[in-house]
């Protein structure tokens, strides 16, 4: 497996965590972290938020 995780694997991750006994709240927190990507860009001393709209392909 490469470092890139396909979005279809997020469902698998959710199911595994639930079967291991993690609470729905914890699973939702973890899923929100692993499925969201954002960047903070410093440009001319100004902070700009950026959220990609497409997946990165390697």
C-alpha atoms as a PDB file:
ATOM      1  CA  UNK A   1       0.000   0.000   0.000  1.00  0.00           C
ATOM      2  CA  UNK A   2       1.280   3.473  -0.820  1.00  0.00           C
ATOM      3  CA  UNK A   3       0.923   6.514   1.405  1.00  0.00           C
ATOM      4  CA  UNK A   4      -2.213   7.498  -0.485  1.00  0.00           C
ATOM      5  CA  UNK A   5      -5.478   6.190   0.968  1.00  0.00           C
ATOM      6  CA  UNK A   6      -8.439   5.887  -1.373  1.00  0.00           C
ATOM      7  CA  UNK A   7     -11.714   7.443  -0.083  1.00  0.00           C
ATOM      8  CA  UNK A   8     -13.476   4.065  -0.352  1.00  0.00           C
ATOM      9  CA  UNK A   9     -11.249   2.888   2.502  1.00  0.00           C
ATOM     10  CA  UNK A  10     -12.741   5.468   4.895  1.00  0.00           C
ATOM     11  CA  UNK A  11     -15.915   3.380   5.183  1.00  0.00           C
ATOM     12  CA  UNK A  12     -13.790   0.360   6.051  1.00  0.00           C
ATOM     13  CA  UNK A  13     -11.951   2.365   8.721  1.00  0.00           C
ATOM     14  CA  UNK A  14     -15.266   3.498  10.247  1.00  0.00           C
ATOM     15  CA  UNK A  15     -16.638  -0.053  10.355  1.00  0.00           C
ATOM     16  CA  UNK A  16     -13.458  -1.441  11.916  1.00  0.00           C
ATOM     17  CA  UNK A  17     -13.388   1.218  14.640  1.00  0.00           C
ATOM     18  CA  UNK A  18     -17.051   0.582  15.484  1.00  0.00           C
ATOM     19  CA  UNK A  19     -16.493  -3.196  15.609  1.00  0.00           C
ATOM     20  CA  UNK A  20     -13.530  -2.628  17.928  1.00  0.00           C
ATOM     21  CA  UNK A  21     -15.933  -0.910  20.321  1.00  0.00           C
ATOM     22  CA  UNK A  22     -15.129   2.752  19.848  1.00  0.00           C
ATOM     23  CA  UNK A  23     -18.081   5.063  20.490  1.00  0.00           C
ATOM     24  CA  UNK A  24     -19.858   6.810  17.627  1.00  0.00           C
ATOM     25  CA  UNK A  25     -18.656  10.152  18.968  1.00  0.00           C
ATOM     26  CA  UNK A  26     -15.009   9.069  18.901  1.00  0.00           C
ATOM     27  CA  UNK A  27     -15.350   7.510  15.440  1.00  0.00           C
ATOM     28  CA  UNK A  28     -16.909  10.730  14.120  1.00  0.00           C
ATOM     29  CA  UNK A  29     -14.038  12.788  15.555  1.00  0.00           C
ATOM     30  CA  UNK A  30     -11.416  10.524  13.986  1.00  0.00           C
ATOM     31  CA  UNK A  31     -13.241  10.440  10.653  1.00  0.00           C
ATOM     32  CA  UNK A  32     -13.501  14.228  10.532  1.00  0.00           C
ATOM     33  CA  UNK A  33      -9.741  14.480  11.029  1.00  0.00           C
ATOM     34  CA  UNK A  34      -8.711  11.855   8.480  1.00  0.00           C
ATOM     35  CA  UNK A  35     -11.146  12.943   5.772  1.00  0.00           C
ATOM     36  CA  UNK A  36     -10.619  16.699   5.920  1.00  0.00           C
ATOM     37  CA  UNK A  37      -7.609  18.480   4.509  1.00  0.00           C
ATOM     38  CA  UNK A  38      -6.842  22.158   4.731  1.00  0.00           C
ATOM     39  CA  UNK A  39      -3.750  24.275   4.316  1.00  0.00           C
ATOM     40  CA  UNK A  40      -2.637  27.541   5.831  1.00  0.00           C
ATOM     41  CA  UNK A  41      -0.603  29.534   3.322  1.00  0.00           C
ATOM     42  CA  UNK A  42       1.535  32.476   4.333  1.00  0.00           C
ATOM     43  CA  UNK A  43       1.657  34.915   1.403  1.00  0.00           C
ATOM     44  CA  UNK A  44       3.117  38.413   1.792  1.00  0.00           C
ATOM     45  CA  UNK A  45       2.762  38.031   5.559  1.00  0.00           C
ATOM     46  CA  UNK A  46      -0.968  37.289   5.254  1.00  0.00           C
ATOM     47  CA  UNK A  47      -2.480  33.969   6.292  1.00  0.00           C
ATOM     48  CA  UNK A  48      -4.724  32.397   3.672  1.00  0.00           C
ATOM     49  CA  UNK A  49      -6.863  29.300   4.213  1.00  0.00           C
ATOM     50  CA  UNK A  50      -6.976  26.837   1.346  1.00  0.00           C
ATOM     51  CA  UNK A  51      -9.050  23.699   0.971  1.00  0.00           C
ATOM     52  CA  UNK A  52      -8.366  21.432  -1.995  1.00  0.00           C
ATOM     53  CA  UNK A  53     -11.336  20.558  -4.172  1.00  0.00           C
ATOM     54  CA  UNK A  54      -9.756  17.500  -5.811  1.00  0.00           C
ATOM     55  CA  UNK A  55      -7.730  14.548  -4.612  1.00  0.00           C
ATOM     56  CA  UNK A  56      -3.984  14.560  -4.955  1.00  0.00           C
ATOM     57  CA  UNK A  57      -2.817  11.762  -7.240  1.00  0.00           C
ATOM     58  CA  UNK A  58       0.701  10.448  -7.001  1.00  0.00           C
END
